[in-house]
């Protein structure tokens, strides 16, 4: 489930609710995910046009529930 408001997307993945924002342009990319129930914040920046979202997803999947 995903919804968007005020530029932040909210999602429920694997039972964990999160919200955040991602984006980029040629030569840069960033992703931010906030997990309000656990207090974790995962952020990544990349100096390529891709990559940050994959890092944030990888870390987010391994956070304690």
Protein backbone atom coordinates (compact mmCIF):
# COMPACT_ATOMS: atom_id res chain seq x y z
CA UNK A 1 0.00 0.00 0.00
CA UNK A 2 1.39 3.40 -0.98
CA UNK A 3 -0.04 6.88 -0.71
CA UNK A 4 1.43 10.35 -1.23
CA UNK A 5 0.80 13.68 0.51
CA UNK A 6 2.89 16.84 0.62
CA UNK A 7 5.66 15.18 -1.37
CA UNK A 8 6.15 12.32 1.09
CA UNK A 9 5.06 8.81 0.20
CA UNK A 10 3.72 6.47 2.85
CA UNK A 11 3.99 2.72 2.54
CA UNK A 12 3.49 -0.48 4.48
CA UNK A 13 6.07 -3.14 3.64
CA UNK A 14 6.58 -6.32 5.61
CA UNK A 15 4.36 -4.97 8.37
CA UNK A 16 6.49 -1.86 8.90
CA UNK A 17 4.98 1.56 8.17
CA UNK A 18 7.31 4.14 6.65
CA UNK A 19 7.21 7.44 4.86
CA UNK A 20 9.80 9.38 2.92
CA UNK A 21 10.86 10.85 -0.37
CA UNK A 22 13.31 10.01 -3.12
CA UNK A 23 14.52 11.63 -6.28
CA UNK A 24 17.46 12.57 -8.37
CA UNK A 25 18.84 13.99 -11.56
CA UNK A 26 21.69 13.02 -13.87
CA UNK A 27 24.70 12.51 -11.63
CA UNK A 28 22.88 12.48 -8.27
CA UNK A 29 20.26 10.48 -6.39
CA UNK A 30 18.86 10.42 -2.87
CA UNK A 31 16.34 8.51 -0.79
CA UNK A 32 14.95 9.05 2.70
CA UNK A 33 12.76 6.62 4.65
CA UNK A 34 11.41 7.27 8.14
CA UNK A 35 9.96 4.49 10.30
CA UNK A 36 7.90 6.32 12.95
CA UNK A 37 6.90 3.21 14.93
CA UNK A 38 10.48 2.04 15.52
CA UNK A 39 12.23 5.43 15.37
CA UNK A 40 14.63 4.43 12.60
CA UNK A 41 15.60 6.83 9.81
CA UNK A 42 17.42 5.54 6.73
CA UNK A 43 18.95 8.00 4.27
CA UNK A 44 21.30 7.53 1.34
CA UNK A 45 22.89 9.85 -1.20
CA UNK A 46 24.67 8.75 -4.37
CA UNK A 47 26.74 10.62 -6.91
CA UNK A 48 25.22 8.60 -9.72
CA UNK A 49 21.78 8.75 -11.29
CA UNK A 50 20.73 5.63 -9.35
CA UNK A 51 21.74 3.58 -6.35
CA UNK A 52 20.43 5.36 -3.25
CA UNK A 53 17.02 3.66 -3.37
CA UNK A 54 18.61 0.21 -3.60
CA UNK A 55 20.78 0.96 -0.55
CA UNK A 56 17.82 2.27 1.47
CA UNK A 57 15.71 -0.77 0.54
CA UNK A 58 18.53 -3.17 1.47
CA UNK A 59 19.05 -1.55 4.88
CA UNK A 60 15.31 -1.17 5.56
CA UNK A 61 14.67 -4.87 4.96
CA UNK A 62 17.24 -5.73 7.65
CA UNK A 63 16.03 -3.40 10.42
CA UNK A 64 14.71 -5.06 13.59
CA UNK A 65 10.92 -5.23 13.68
